[in-house]
Amino acid sequence: MAQIRLYPITQEQGVGRGVFAGGMGGAGFGGDDCLCGHCGTVMFVDFNLHTLLGDFVFQCRVCSEFNERPRTEAFPRLPLEDSEGRPPEDT
């Protein structure tokens, strides 16, 4: 499929979010190849970013930098809490 460059962020921007480590061998079950936004290393092969629910960051095993999903409407950010700090209600 396609190669998707993840959006580079700082470690401080990843505080409080789950860390998904990947790089050189992180394989999925159908999807795109995901590249580190800092160094360009292929972090995940055949990986579908839509399968991850939540606000994860991705740490590259080569350069140790943090990335997040591309900032496009294809990958919307899911709210982890409402404006008053409560988890969103299930619908």
Protein backbone atom coordinates (compact mmCIF):
# COMPACT_ATOMS: atom_id res chain seq x y z
CA MET A 1 0.00 0.00 0.00
CA ALA A 2 1.11 3.57 0.69
CA GLN A 3 3.92 4.95 2.81
CA ILE A 4 2.69 7.33 5.51
CA ARG A 5 5.08 9.63 7.33
CA LEU A 6 4.04 10.02 10.96
CA TYR A 7 3.85 13.53 12.41
CA PRO A 8 6.96 14.37 14.48
CA ILE A 9 6.39 15.62 18.04
CA THR A 10 8.55 16.24 21.09
CA GLN A 11 8.70 13.92 24.07
CA GLU A 12 6.91 16.59 26.13
CA GLN A 13 3.96 16.49 23.71
CA GLY A 14 3.64 12.75 24.39
CA VAL A 15 3.37 13.03 28.18
CA GLY A 16 0.29 11.25 29.51
CA ARG A 17 -0.35 9.34 26.29
CA GLY A 18 0.21 5.66 25.60
CA VAL A 19 3.49 4.89 23.82
CA PHE A 20 3.47 2.41 20.94
CA ALA A 21 7.10 1.42 20.21
CA GLY A 22 7.96 0.40 16.70
CA GLY A 23 10.71 0.20 14.21
CA MET A 24 12.40 -2.28 11.95
CA GLY A 25 10.01 -5.19 12.06
CA GLY A 26 6.79 -3.91 13.55
CA ALA A 27 4.34 -5.67 11.23
CA GLY A 28 0.59 -5.42 11.01
CA PHE A 29 -2.18 -7.26 9.27
CA GLY A 30 -2.96 -5.10 6.27
CA GLY A 31 -2.53 -1.41 5.70
CA ASP A 32 0.26 1.04 5.01
CA ASP A 33 3.94 1.36 5.81
CA CYS A 34 4.49 4.01 8.50
CA LEU A 35 7.68 6.07 8.55
CA CYS A 36 9.21 7.97 11.47
CA GLY A 37 8.57 11.68 10.99
CA HIS A 38 12.03 12.48 12.35
CA CYS A 39 14.47 10.06 10.68
CA GLY A 40 12.34 8.36 8.00
CA THR A 41 12.85 4.82 9.32
CA VAL A 42 10.10 2.36 8.41
CA MET A 43 8.49 1.80 11.81
CA PHE A 44 5.56 -0.42 10.82
CA VAL A 45 4.97 -2.51 7.72
CA ASP A 46 1.47 -3.28 6.42
CA PHE A 47 -0.07 -1.50 9.43
CA ASN A 48 -3.56 0.01 9.62
CA LEU A 49 -3.53 3.14 11.80
CA HIS A 50 -7.34 3.05 11.94
CA THR A 51 -7.22 -0.05 14.15
CA LEU A 52 -5.70 1.84 17.08
CA LEU A 53 -8.28 3.60 19.21
CA GLY A 54 -7.05 6.24 21.57
CA ASP A 55 -4.46 8.97 21.60
CA PHE A 56 -1.21 7.03 21.18
CA VAL A 57 2.25 8.27 20.34
CA PHE A 58 4.72 6.17 18.40
CA GLN A 59 8.36 5.96 19.50
CA CYS A 60 10.97 5.11 16.89
CA ARG A 61 13.40 2.40 17.98
CA VAL A 62 16.13 3.86 15.76
CA CYS A 63 16.20 7.57 16.74
CA SER A 64 14.04 7.26 19.94
CA GLU A 65 11.94 10.26 18.87
CA PHE A 66 8.15 10.51 19.25
CA ASN A 67 5.54 10.69 16.50
CA GLU A 68 1.76 10.77 16.25
CA ARG A 69 -0.75 9.97 13.55
CA PRO A 70 -0.76 12.33 10.58
CA ARG A 71 -2.91 15.39 11.19
CA THR A 72 -5.53 14.84 8.55
CA GLU A 73 -9.25 14.22 8.62
CA ALA A 74 -8.54 10.61 7.67
CA PHE A 75 -7.07 10.15 11.16
CA PRO A 76 -9.24 12.16 13.57
CA ARG A 77 -8.15 12.59 17.16
CA LEU A 78 -10.44 10.75 19.54
CA PRO A 79 -11.31 12.63 22.73
CA LEU A 80 -10.07 10.94 25.89
CA GLU A 81 -12.14 13.24 28.09
CA ASP A 82 -14.77 15.93 27.77
CA SER A 83 -14.32 19.61 28.61
CA GLU A 84 -14.86 18.84 32.31
CA GLY A 85 -12.26 16.05 32.45
CA ARG A 86 -14.69 13.12 32.34
CA PRO A 87 -14.29 10.16 29.94
CA PRO A 88 -16.67 10.35 26.94
CA GLU A 89 -19.92 8.45 27.31
CA ASP A 90 -20.46 5.29 25.28
CA THR A 91 -23.11 5.71 22.61
